[in-house]
N, C-alpha and C. Protein backbone atom coordinates (compact mmCIF):
# COMPACT_ATOMS: atom_id res chain seq x y z
N MET A 1 -52.68 61.69 24.94
CA MET A 1 -52.27 62.66 23.78
C MET A 1 -51.44 61.92 22.67
N THR A 2 -51.32 62.09 21.58
CA THR A 2 -51.01 61.05 20.82
C THR A 2 -50.07 62.56 19.71
N SER A 3 -49.36 62.45 19.44
CA SER A 3 -48.83 63.49 17.92
C SER A 3 -47.77 62.69 16.30
N ILE A 4 -48.63 63.27 16.00
CA ILE A 4 -47.55 62.94 14.50
C ILE A 4 -47.52 63.48 13.00
N ALA A 5 -45.96 63.95 12.69
CA ALA A 5 -45.43 64.24 12.07
C ALA A 5 -46.21 63.59 10.51
N VAL A 6 -46.73 64.26 9.46
CA VAL A 6 -46.69 63.63 8.65
C VAL A 6 -45.93 64.36 7.73
N LEU A 7 -45.09 63.26 6.91
CA LEU A 7 -44.06 63.73 5.48
C LEU A 7 -44.91 63.14 4.80
N VAL A 8 -45.35 64.14 3.17
CA VAL A 8 -45.95 64.30 2.01
C VAL A 8 -44.87 64.25 1.33
N GLY A 9 -44.25 63.33 -0.02
CA GLY A 9 -44.24 63.09 -0.42
C GLY A 9 -44.29 63.76 -1.54
N SER A 10 -45.70 64.86 -1.85
CA SER A 10 -45.73 65.75 -3.14
C SER A 10 -45.86 67.24 -2.56
N LEU A 11 -45.51 67.41 -3.72
CA LEU A 11 -45.82 69.50 -3.76
C LEU A 11 -46.73 69.85 -4.35
N ARG A 12 -47.40 68.85 -5.10
CA ARG A 12 -48.57 69.16 -6.00
C ARG A 12 -49.51 69.63 -5.11
N ARG A 13 -50.73 70.85 -6.13
CA ARG A 13 -51.32 71.66 -5.32
C ARG A 13 -52.22 70.39 -4.68
N ASP A 14 -52.50 69.75 -6.44
CA ASP A 14 -53.84 68.90 -5.59
C ASP A 14 -53.79 67.32 -5.50
N SER A 15 -52.61 67.19 -4.85
CA SER A 15 -51.96 65.60 -5.04
C SER A 15 -52.45 64.54 -4.36
N PHE A 16 -52.69 64.04 -4.29
CA PHE A 16 -53.57 62.84 -4.20
C PHE A 16 -53.57 62.45 -2.22
N ASN A 17 -52.05 62.46 -2.31
CA ASN A 17 -51.10 61.90 -1.47
C ASN A 17 -51.73 63.11 -0.20
N LYS A 18 -52.14 63.84 -0.17
CA LYS A 18 -51.77 65.07 0.07
C LYS A 18 -53.41 64.78 0.77
N SER A 19 -54.61 64.58 -0.13
CA SER A 19 -55.88 64.23 0.19
C SER A 19 -55.91 63.08 1.34
N LEU A 20 -54.98 62.23 0.72
CA LEU A 20 -55.29 61.28 1.64
C LEU A 20 -54.38 60.86 2.75
N ALA A 21 -53.38 62.88 3.10
CA ALA A 21 -52.76 62.46 4.47
C ALA A 21 -54.43 63.26 5.20
N ASP A 22 -54.42 64.22 4.73
CA ASP A 22 -55.73 64.66 4.86
C ASP A 22 -57.03 63.73 5.14
N ASN A 23 -56.83 63.14 5.15
CA ASN A 23 -58.28 62.09 4.60
C ASN A 23 -58.43 61.26 6.29
N ILE A 24 -56.97 60.39 6.16
CA ILE A 24 -56.49 59.77 7.39
C ILE A 24 -56.39 61.30 8.94
N GLU A 25 -55.95 62.23 8.47
CA GLU A 25 -56.06 62.89 9.53
C GLU A 25 -57.93 62.79 10.52
N LYS A 26 -59.18 63.38 9.47
CA LYS A 26 -60.36 63.28 10.28
C LYS A 26 -60.79 61.83 10.77
N LEU A 27 -60.12 61.04 9.98
CA LEU A 27 -60.48 60.04 10.89
C LEU A 27 -60.23 59.48 11.61
N ALA A 28 -58.64 59.97 12.29
CA ALA A 28 -58.13 59.42 13.85
C ALA A 28 -59.12 59.75 15.08
N PRO A 29 -59.03 59.14 15.57
CA PRO A 29 -59.35 59.48 16.98
C PRO A 29 -59.37 60.71 17.68
N ALA A 30 -60.22 60.63 18.33
CA ALA A 30 -60.30 62.28 18.88
C ALA A 30 -58.69 62.15 20.38
N GLY A 31 -57.92 62.96 20.44
CA GLY A 31 -56.89 63.26 21.56
C GLY A 31 -55.49 63.42 20.24
N VAL A 32 -55.75 63.00 18.88
CA VAL A 32 -54.71 62.75 18.12
C VAL A 32 -54.79 63.64 17.35
N THR A 33 -53.38 64.18 17.32
CA THR A 33 -52.47 65.48 17.07
C THR A 33 -52.19 65.61 15.23
N PHE A 34 -52.44 66.13 14.09
CA PHE A 34 -51.48 65.92 13.46
C PHE A 34 -50.68 67.47 12.70
N GLU A 35 -49.08 66.85 12.36
CA GLU A 35 -48.84 67.95 11.85
C GLU A 35 -48.07 67.95 10.62
N THR A 36 -48.37 68.95 9.25
CA THR A 36 -47.82 68.13 8.20
C THR A 36 -46.64 69.14 8.43
N ALA A 37 -45.65 68.55 7.76
CA ALA A 37 -44.07 69.30 7.55
C ALA A 37 -44.11 69.93 6.38
N ASP A 38 -42.94 71.15 5.91
CA ASP A 38 -43.24 71.70 4.57
C ASP A 38 -41.95 71.38 4.34
N LEU A 39 -42.46 70.41 3.17
CA LEU A 39 -40.72 69.34 2.76
C LEU A 39 -40.43 70.58 1.33
N ASN A 40 -40.45 72.02 1.37
CA ASN A 40 -40.11 72.72 0.78
C ASN A 40 -38.89 73.25 1.11
N LEU A 41 -37.85 71.95 0.53
CA LEU A 41 -36.48 73.04 0.95
C LEU A 41 -35.86 72.41 0.11
N PRO A 42 -34.59 73.08 0.16
CA PRO A 42 -33.35 73.83 0.29
C PRO A 42 -32.97 72.10 -0.18
N LEU A 43 -32.26 71.53 -2.03
CA LEU A 43 -31.59 69.80 -1.53
C LEU A 43 -30.73 70.22 -1.07
N PHE A 44 -30.46 68.24 -0.22
CA PHE A 44 -29.79 69.42 0.60
C PHE A 44 -27.99 68.60 -0.08
N ASN A 45 -27.25 69.75 0.66
CA ASN A 45 -26.14 69.41 0.53
C ASN A 45 -24.85 69.77 2.26
N GLN A 46 -24.10 69.30 2.40
CA GLN A 46 -23.55 68.93 3.65
C GLN A 46 -22.83 69.95 3.95
N ASP A 47 -22.33 70.61 3.11
CA ASP A 47 -22.14 71.51 2.56
C ASP A 47 -22.85 73.09 4.13
N LEU A 48 -24.38 72.57 3.82
CA LEU A 48 -24.75 73.52 4.27
C LEU A 48 -25.58 73.23 6.03
N GLU A 49 -24.45 72.40 5.85
CA GLU A 49 -25.03 71.95 7.66
C GLU A 49 -24.37 72.39 8.85
N ALA A 50 -23.18 73.36 8.33
CA ALA A 50 -22.42 74.27 8.95
C ALA A 50 -23.18 75.46 9.57
N ASP A 51 -24.20 75.61 8.56
CA ASP A 51 -24.56 76.71 8.75
C ASP A 51 -26.75 76.17 8.63
N PHE A 52 -27.20 75.43 9.29
CA PHE A 52 -28.55 74.52 9.31
C PHE A 52 -29.67 75.33 8.42
N PRO A 53 -30.15 75.24 7.10
CA PRO A 53 -31.56 76.31 7.14
C PRO A 53 -32.84 76.03 7.98
N ALA A 54 -32.85 76.91 8.53
CA ALA A 54 -33.96 77.15 8.74
C ALA A 54 -35.24 76.16 9.19
N ASP A 55 -35.23 75.63 7.16
CA ASP A 55 -36.55 75.02 7.45
C ASP A 55 -36.05 73.20 7.34
N ALA A 56 -35.06 73.62 7.75
CA ALA A 56 -34.58 71.79 7.53
C ALA A 56 -34.78 71.84 9.59
N LYS A 57 -34.28 72.65 9.82
CA LYS A 57 -34.44 72.44 11.57
C LYS A 57 -35.55 72.43 12.05
N ALA A 58 -36.48 73.57 10.89
CA ALA A 58 -38.22 73.41 11.84
C ALA A 58 -38.33 71.68 11.76
N LEU A 59 -37.71 70.98 10.57
CA LEU A 59 -38.28 69.38 10.27
C LEU A 59 -37.95 68.47 11.29
N LYS A 60 -36.77 68.77 11.74
CA LYS A 60 -36.13 67.81 12.59
C LYS A 60 -36.59 68.27 13.95
N ASP A 61 -36.53 69.69 14.12
CA ASP A 61 -38.02 70.22 15.16
C ASP A 61 -39.24 68.89 15.28
N LEU A 62 -40.23 69.11 14.41
CA LEU A 62 -41.17 68.70 14.82
C LEU A 62 -41.49 67.05 14.59
N ILE A 63 -40.26 67.01 13.74
CA ILE A 63 -39.96 65.40 14.26
C ILE A 63 -40.30 64.69 15.09
N GLU A 64 -38.90 65.48 16.40
CA GLU A 64 -38.48 65.29 17.24
C GLU A 64 -39.38 65.17 18.26
N ARG A 65 -40.14 66.77 18.20
CA ARG A 65 -41.23 66.78 19.56
C ARG A 65 -42.56 65.68 19.33
N SER A 66 -42.89 65.19 17.77
CA SER A 66 -43.66 63.80 17.88
C SER A 66 -43.53 62.96 17.86
N ASP A 67 -44.94 61.72 18.55
CA ASP A 67 -44.46 60.52 19.09
C ASP A 67 -44.78 59.70 17.67
N GLY A 68 -44.78 59.55 16.64
CA GLY A 68 -43.91 59.14 15.45
C GLY A 68 -44.56 60.09 14.03
N VAL A 69 -44.54 58.94 12.95
CA VAL A 69 -44.43 60.39 11.93
C VAL A 69 -45.12 58.81 10.75
N LEU A 70 -46.17 59.92 9.93
CA LEU A 70 -46.54 58.93 9.16
C LEU A 70 -45.68 59.47 7.29
N PHE A 71 -45.37 58.76 6.47
CA PHE A 71 -44.89 59.21 5.30
C PHE A 71 -45.96 58.65 4.35
N VAL A 72 -46.43 59.54 4.04
CA VAL A 72 -47.09 59.46 2.56
C VAL A 72 -46.40 59.51 1.44
N THR A 73 -46.46 58.45 0.56
CA THR A 73 -45.62 58.75 -0.85
C THR A 73 -46.46 58.80 -2.04
N PRO A 74 -46.08 59.10 -3.32
CA PRO A 74 -46.37 58.95 -4.52
C PRO A 74 -44.99 58.07 -4.87
N GLU A 75 -46.09 57.88 -5.99
CA GLU A 75 -44.53 56.47 -6.45
C GLU A 75 -44.10 57.17 -7.94
N TYR A 76 -42.90 57.57 -7.99
CA TYR A 76 -42.26 57.99 -9.25
C TYR A 76 -41.00 57.27 -9.86
N ASN A 77 -41.09 56.44 -10.65
CA ASN A 77 -40.19 55.94 -11.45
C ASN A 77 -40.07 54.54 -10.65
N ARG A 78 -41.09 53.87 -10.11
CA ARG A 78 -41.12 52.48 -9.22
C ARG A 78 -40.12 52.77 -7.78
N SER A 79 -39.90 54.43 -7.16
CA SER A 79 -39.78 54.35 -6.35
C SER A 79 -40.37 55.38 -5.67
N PHE A 80 -39.93 55.66 -4.45
CA PHE A 80 -40.81 57.53 -3.52
C PHE A 80 -40.07 58.87 -3.90
N SER A 81 -40.28 59.70 -3.58
CA SER A 81 -40.07 60.75 -4.42
C SER A 81 -38.71 61.56 -3.85
N GLY A 82 -38.32 62.48 -4.89
CA GLY A 82 -36.86 63.75 -4.73
C GLY A 82 -37.38 64.13 -3.19
N VAL A 83 -38.14 64.98 -3.28
CA VAL A 83 -38.85 65.67 -1.94
C VAL A 83 -38.68 65.29 -0.97
N LEU A 84 -38.61 63.36 -0.43
CA LEU A 84 -39.14 62.70 0.24
C LEU A 84 -37.99 62.63 0.88
N LYS A 85 -37.16 61.78 -0.03
CA LYS A 85 -35.33 61.79 0.36
C LYS A 85 -34.84 62.63 0.29
N ASN A 86 -35.10 63.81 0.63
CA ASN A 86 -34.36 64.86 0.39
C ASN A 86 -35.01 65.47 1.78
N GLY A 87 -36.57 65.86 2.58
CA GLY A 87 -36.60 65.91 3.61
C GLY A 87 -35.87 65.02 4.06
N ILE A 88 -36.50 63.86 4.25
CA ILE A 88 -35.36 62.62 4.79
C ILE A 88 -33.77 62.57 5.30
N ASP A 89 -33.61 63.03 4.44
CA ASP A 89 -32.27 63.41 4.50
C ASP A 89 -31.61 64.43 5.49
N TRP A 90 -32.20 65.79 4.63
CA TRP A 90 -32.08 66.63 5.45
C TRP A 90 -32.08 66.78 7.35
N ALA A 91 -33.33 65.84 8.29
CA ALA A 91 -33.76 65.30 8.87
C ALA A 91 -32.89 64.31 9.66
N SER A 92 -32.61 63.71 8.60
CA SER A 92 -31.58 62.42 9.47
C SER A 92 -30.13 62.96 9.82
N ARG A 93 -29.63 64.51 9.68
CA ARG A 93 -28.32 64.69 9.40
C ARG A 93 -28.26 65.99 10.18
N PRO A 94 -26.85 66.12 11.21
CA PRO A 94 -26.07 66.21 10.63
C PRO A 94 -25.87 64.38 11.61
N TRP A 95 -24.41 63.71 10.62
CA TRP A 95 -24.08 62.54 11.44
C TRP A 95 -24.41 62.73 13.03
N GLY A 96 -25.46 61.79 13.64
CA GLY A 96 -25.04 61.46 14.72
C GLY A 96 -26.34 61.95 15.68
N GLN A 97 -27.47 62.96 14.09
CA GLN A 97 -28.47 63.64 15.12
C GLN A 97 -29.33 63.07 13.99
N ASN A 98 -29.96 62.24 14.28
CA ASN A 98 -31.12 61.46 13.18
C ASN A 98 -32.07 62.21 13.86
N SER A 99 -33.09 62.09 13.98
CA SER A 99 -34.20 62.81 14.72
C SER A 99 -35.40 61.62 13.85
N PHE A 100 -35.13 60.31 12.79
CA PHE A 100 -35.55 59.19 13.05
C PHE A 100 -35.69 58.54 14.09
N ASN A 101 -34.21 58.33 14.66
CA ASN A 101 -34.39 57.31 15.68
C ASN A 101 -35.64 56.74 16.53
N GLY A 102 -35.48 55.30 16.47
CA GLY A 102 -36.55 55.03 17.64
C GLY A 102 -37.98 55.35 17.04
N LYS A 103 -38.13 56.38 15.94
CA LYS A 103 -39.75 57.51 16.01
C LYS A 103 -40.49 55.32 15.19
N PRO A 104 -41.63 55.58 15.92
CA PRO A 104 -42.24 54.38 15.18
C PRO A 104 -43.42 55.13 14.24
N ALA A 105 -43.01 54.58 12.91
CA ALA A 105 -43.89 55.49 12.02
C ALA A 105 -44.29 53.97 10.84
N ALA A 106 -45.34 54.70 9.98
CA ALA A 106 -45.95 54.32 9.22
C ALA A 106 -46.17 54.28 7.77
N ILE A 107 -45.73 54.03 6.66
CA ILE A 107 -45.58 54.32 5.30
C ILE A 107 -47.69 54.17 4.09
N VAL A 108 -48.06 54.93 3.73
CA VAL A 108 -48.99 54.72 3.01
C VAL A 108 -48.57 55.33 1.92
N GLY A 109 -49.56 55.66 0.60
CA GLY A 109 -49.25 56.13 -0.01
C GLY A 109 -50.38 55.91 -1.57
N ALA A 110 -50.89 56.74 -1.93
CA ALA A 110 -51.88 56.91 -3.07
C ALA A 110 -51.29 56.80 -4.56
N SER A 111 -52.01 55.98 -5.67
CA SER A 111 -51.67 56.26 -7.00
C SER A 111 -52.78 56.56 -8.18
N LEU A 112 -52.64 56.16 -8.92
CA LEU A 112 -53.81 55.63 -10.11
C LEU A 112 -53.46 54.53 -10.42
N GLY A 113 -52.48 53.75 -10.35
CA GLY A 113 -51.91 52.92 -11.33
C GLY A 113 -52.28 51.76 -10.45
N ALA A 114 -52.79 50.65 -11.01
CA ALA A 114 -52.85 49.43 -10.50
C ALA A 114 -52.05 48.60 -9.65
N LEU A 115 -50.78 49.17 -9.31
CA LEU A 115 -49.74 48.50 -8.53
C LEU A 115 -49.58 49.87 -7.24
N GLY A 116 -50.42 50.30 -7.48
CA GLY A 116 -50.68 51.37 -6.21
C GLY A 116 -48.91 51.98 -5.27
N THR A 117 -49.14 52.13 -4.44
CA THR A 117 -47.42 52.70 -4.06
C THR A 117 -46.57 51.57 -3.36
N THR A 118 -47.29 50.36 -4.10
CA THR A 118 -46.31 48.84 -3.73
C THR A 118 -44.43 49.26 -3.75
N GLN A 119 -44.03 49.33 -5.20
CA GLN A 119 -42.46 50.20 -4.89
C GLN A 119 -41.92 51.23 -4.52
N ALA A 120 -42.77 52.15 -4.66
CA ALA A 120 -42.05 53.31 -3.51
C ALA A 120 -42.06 53.21 -1.80
N GLN A 121 -42.97 52.39 -1.67
CA GLN A 121 -42.77 52.43 0.12
C GLN A 121 -41.53 51.29 0.26
N ALA A 122 -42.04 49.94 -0.89
CA ALA A 122 -40.56 48.84 -1.06
C ALA A 122 -39.41 49.86 -0.53
N ALA A 123 -39.08 50.37 -1.52
CA ALA A 123 -38.39 51.58 -1.56
C ALA A 123 -37.61 52.17 0.08
N LEU A 124 -38.68 52.93 0.41
CA LEU A 124 -38.85 53.63 1.07
C LEU A 124 -38.84 53.09 3.30
N ARG A 125 -39.31 51.50 2.97
CA ARG A 125 -38.82 51.32 4.26
C ARG A 125 -37.35 50.76 4.23
N ASN A 126 -36.93 50.29 3.13
CA ASN A 126 -35.44 49.74 2.93
C ASN A 126 -34.95 51.36 3.96
N VAL A 127 -35.22 52.08 3.23
CA VAL A 127 -33.94 53.81 4.19
C VAL A 127 -34.35 53.40 5.09
N LEU A 128 -36.50 53.46 6.08
CA LEU A 128 -36.52 54.01 6.89
C LEU A 128 -36.28 52.55 7.93
N ILE A 129 -35.37 52.02 8.01
CA ILE A 129 -34.41 50.67 8.61
C ILE A 129 -33.75 50.45 8.88
N TYR A 130 -32.75 51.56 8.22
CA TYR A 130 -31.85 52.31 8.19
C TYR A 130 -31.68 52.57 9.43
N LEU A 131 -32.35 53.61 9.19
CA LEU A 131 -32.57 55.37 10.31
C LEU A 131 -32.69 55.23 11.65
N ASN A 132 -33.00 53.30 11.79
CA ASN A 132 -33.98 53.03 12.81
C ASN A 132 -35.22 53.08 13.68
N THR A 133 -36.06 53.48 12.50
CA THR A 133 -37.75 53.74 12.96
C THR A 133 -38.44 53.01 12.90
N GLU A 134 -39.07 52.94 13.82
CA GLU A 134 -39.94 51.24 14.02
C GLU A 134 -41.42 51.48 13.29
N ILE A 135 -41.21 50.45 11.98
CA ILE A 135 -42.52 50.50 11.18
C ILE A 135 -42.97 49.75 11.96
N MET A 136 -44.97 50.03 11.34
CA MET A 136 -45.60 49.45 11.46
C MET A 136 -45.89 48.36 10.40
N GLY A 137 -45.93 47.58 10.16
CA GLY A 137 -46.31 46.93 9.74
C GLY A 137 -47.14 46.29 8.60
N GLN A 138 -48.30 46.18 9.45
CA GLN A 138 -49.95 45.66 9.34
C GLN A 138 -51.25 46.57 9.86
N PRO A 139 -52.33 47.61 9.22
CA PRO A 139 -52.12 46.84 7.66
C PRO A 139 -51.34 48.26 7.22
N GLU A 140 -51.14 47.09 5.85
CA GLU A 140 -50.92 48.12 4.70
C GLU A 140 -51.59 49.12 4.13
N VAL A 141 -51.06 50.36 3.11
CA VAL A 141 -51.56 51.22 2.92
C VAL A 141 -51.50 51.39 1.40
N TYR A 142 -51.96 50.80 0.22
CA TYR A 142 -51.92 50.94 -0.58
C TYR A 142 -53.21 51.95 -1.77
N PHE A 143 -53.10 52.58 -1.51
CA PHE A 143 -54.65 53.76 -2.13
C PHE A 143 -54.72 54.22 -3.47
N ASN A 144 -55.51 53.32 -3.80
CA ASN A 144 -56.25 53.63 -5.26
C ASN A 144 -56.37 54.64 -4.89
N ALA A 145 -56.45 55.78 -5.78
CA ALA A 145 -57.12 56.99 -5.94
C ALA A 145 -58.20 57.35 -6.19
N THR A 146 -58.29 56.43 -7.56
CA THR A 146 -59.06 56.72 -8.52
C THR A 146 -60.32 56.53 -8.06
N THR A 147 -60.59 54.92 -7.20
CA THR A 147 -62.02 54.58 -6.39
C THR A 147 -62.06 55.01 -5.20
N GLY A 148 -61.08 55.28 -4.31
CA GLY A 148 -61.13 56.24 -2.96
C GLY A 148 -60.77 56.82 -2.74
N LEU A 149 -60.70 58.05 -3.58
CA LEU A 149 -61.48 59.72 -3.23
C LEU A 149 -62.21 59.94 -4.27
N LYS A 150 -63.39 60.90 -3.46
CA LYS A 150 -63.94 61.29 -4.61
C LYS A 150 -63.80 62.66 -5.11
N GLU A 151 -64.22 63.14 -5.68
CA GLU A 151 -64.09 64.48 -7.18
C GLU A 151 -63.69 65.06 -5.85
N ASP A 152 -64.10 65.87 -5.21
CA ASP A 152 -63.28 66.81 -4.07
C ASP A 152 -62.08 66.47 -3.10
N GLY A 153 -61.62 65.02 -3.17
CA GLY A 153 -60.32 65.37 -1.96
C GLY A 153 -61.50 64.19 -0.90
N SER A 154 -62.35 64.16 -0.53
CA SER A 154 -62.83 63.07 0.98
C SER A 154 -62.52 62.12 0.36
N VAL A 155 -62.10 60.99 0.74
CA VAL A 155 -62.09 59.65 0.74
C VAL A 155 -64.02 58.81 0.72
N ALA A 156 -63.31 58.02 -0.06
CA ALA A 156 -65.04 57.12 -0.96
C ALA A 156 -65.90 56.48 0.59
N ASP A 157 -66.99 56.91 0.28
CA ASP A 157 -67.63 56.30 2.14
C ASP A 157 -67.30 54.54 2.31
N ASP A 158 -67.27 54.16 0.79
CA ASP A 158 -66.51 52.58 1.08
C ASP A 158 -65.08 52.37 1.43
N ALA A 159 -64.59 52.99 1.32
CA ALA A 159 -63.22 53.42 2.24
C ALA A 159 -63.14 54.37 3.93
N LYS A 160 -63.74 54.82 4.32
CA LYS A 160 -63.97 54.62 5.59
C LYS A 160 -63.10 53.98 6.38
N GLY A 161 -63.77 53.21 5.95
CA GLY A 161 -63.43 51.72 7.20
C GLY A 161 -62.44 51.13 7.31
N PHE A 162 -62.14 50.87 6.01
CA PHE A 162 -59.76 50.46 6.22
C PHE A 162 -59.16 51.55 6.58
N LEU A 163 -59.56 53.29 6.38
CA LEU A 163 -57.92 54.18 7.05
C LEU A 163 -58.46 54.52 8.17
N THR A 164 -60.04 54.14 8.24
CA THR A 164 -59.94 54.36 9.82
C THR A 164 -59.47 53.31 10.86
N ASP A 165 -59.35 51.73 10.40
CA ASP A 165 -58.84 50.89 10.65
C ASP A 165 -57.36 50.97 10.80
N PHE A 166 -56.41 51.58 9.89
CA PHE A 166 -55.16 52.23 9.41
C PHE A 166 -55.17 52.84 10.84
N VAL A 167 -55.50 54.44 11.45
CA VAL A 167 -55.51 55.48 11.53
C VAL A 167 -55.21 54.53 13.38
N ASN A 168 -55.99 53.69 13.45
CA ASN A 168 -56.49 53.31 14.91
C ASN A 168 -55.00 52.49 15.27
N ALA A 169 -54.97 51.77 14.06
CA ALA A 169 -53.80 50.54 14.11
C ALA A 169 -52.41 51.56 14.96
N PHE A 170 -52.25 52.92 13.49
CA PHE A 170 -51.43 53.48 13.95
C PHE A 170 -51.20 54.08 15.30
N VAL A 171 -52.06 54.52 16.04
CA VAL A 171 -52.25 55.46 16.96
C VAL A 171 -51.71 54.22 18.16
N SER A 172 -52.43 52.88 18.47
CA SER A 172 -52.26 52.00 19.04
C SER A 172 -50.48 51.63 19.32
N PHE A 173 -49.99 51.73 17.42
CA PHE A 173 -48.25 50.97 17.70
C PHE A 173 -47.48 52.10 17.86
N ILE A 174 -48.43 53.14 18.31
CA ILE A 174 -47.15 54.94 18.37
C ILE A 174 -47.70 54.84 19.97
N ASP A 175 -48.88 54.44 20.47
CA ASP A 175 -48.67 54.72 22.13
C ASP A 175 -48.08 53.03 21.91
N ARG A 176 -48.09 52.32 22.45
CA ARG A 176 -46.68 50.94 22.39
C ARG A 176 -45.68 51.09 22.59
N HIS A 177 -45.26 52.19 21.68
CA HIS A 177 -43.66 52.42 21.28
C HIS A 177 -43.13 54.07 22.77
N LYS A 178 -44.76 54.10 22.88
CA LYS A 178 -43.88 55.71 24.04
C LYS A 178 -43.14 55.35 25.19
N ASN A 179 -42.22 56.29 24.81
CA ASN A 179 -41.33 55.92 26.61
C ASN A 179 -42.05 56.19 27.87
């Protein structure tokens, strides 16, 4: 059994990235469970650490009990979203209690643009290196929502193989990092 925490950096109801995460879950091999984190959190404020918000604690707990973390990021102004950064900040705090420490992780993202989420993923990778995650390097997923998703949000037939290869590689990567 492999458990994956999913952090989707978009709160939009019809998010391409939420659709991408859902499709990756559907294509996963048997025995893999996904749990999407609620990132609708208060803005990180160190003053709140003394009375740690329950929603932020739930995020930390999810990451800590999961075998790996899938980051699904949109690209806003050549970087990842504030929603995702805020969740990362909460889960890495208080100082010395970084829930991401040593966790296998992968980054994917969907957008309408020609560059996909290349810049967001590069910026996010820098943060995840600092947090001491074990980041899967290949295959990379810069998903074009225009051609990769159908109108109902399901994955286009010609993209299924690519996403299946990705999720299988990620599960194998996680399994190699289990204690």
